[in-house]
Amino acid sequence: MPKKLVIKVTAGADSAERCSQAFTVAAVAVASGVEVSLWLTGESAWFALPG
């Protein structure tokens, strides 16, 4: 059974360290073969926009 992980991100560019921790966890999980989904809420939703 493949492993899956959902990471909820609430911090945006205004709180860069908190935000980067979520992306670091996601990157490590992907590198370990885990399927990762990011749940972007609040200020982090701005990361879903192009540019």
Foldseek 3Di string as FASTA:
>chain_A
DAAEEEQEAADAPVPVVSRVVSVVVVVVCVVVVHHYHYHYDHRRVVVVDDD
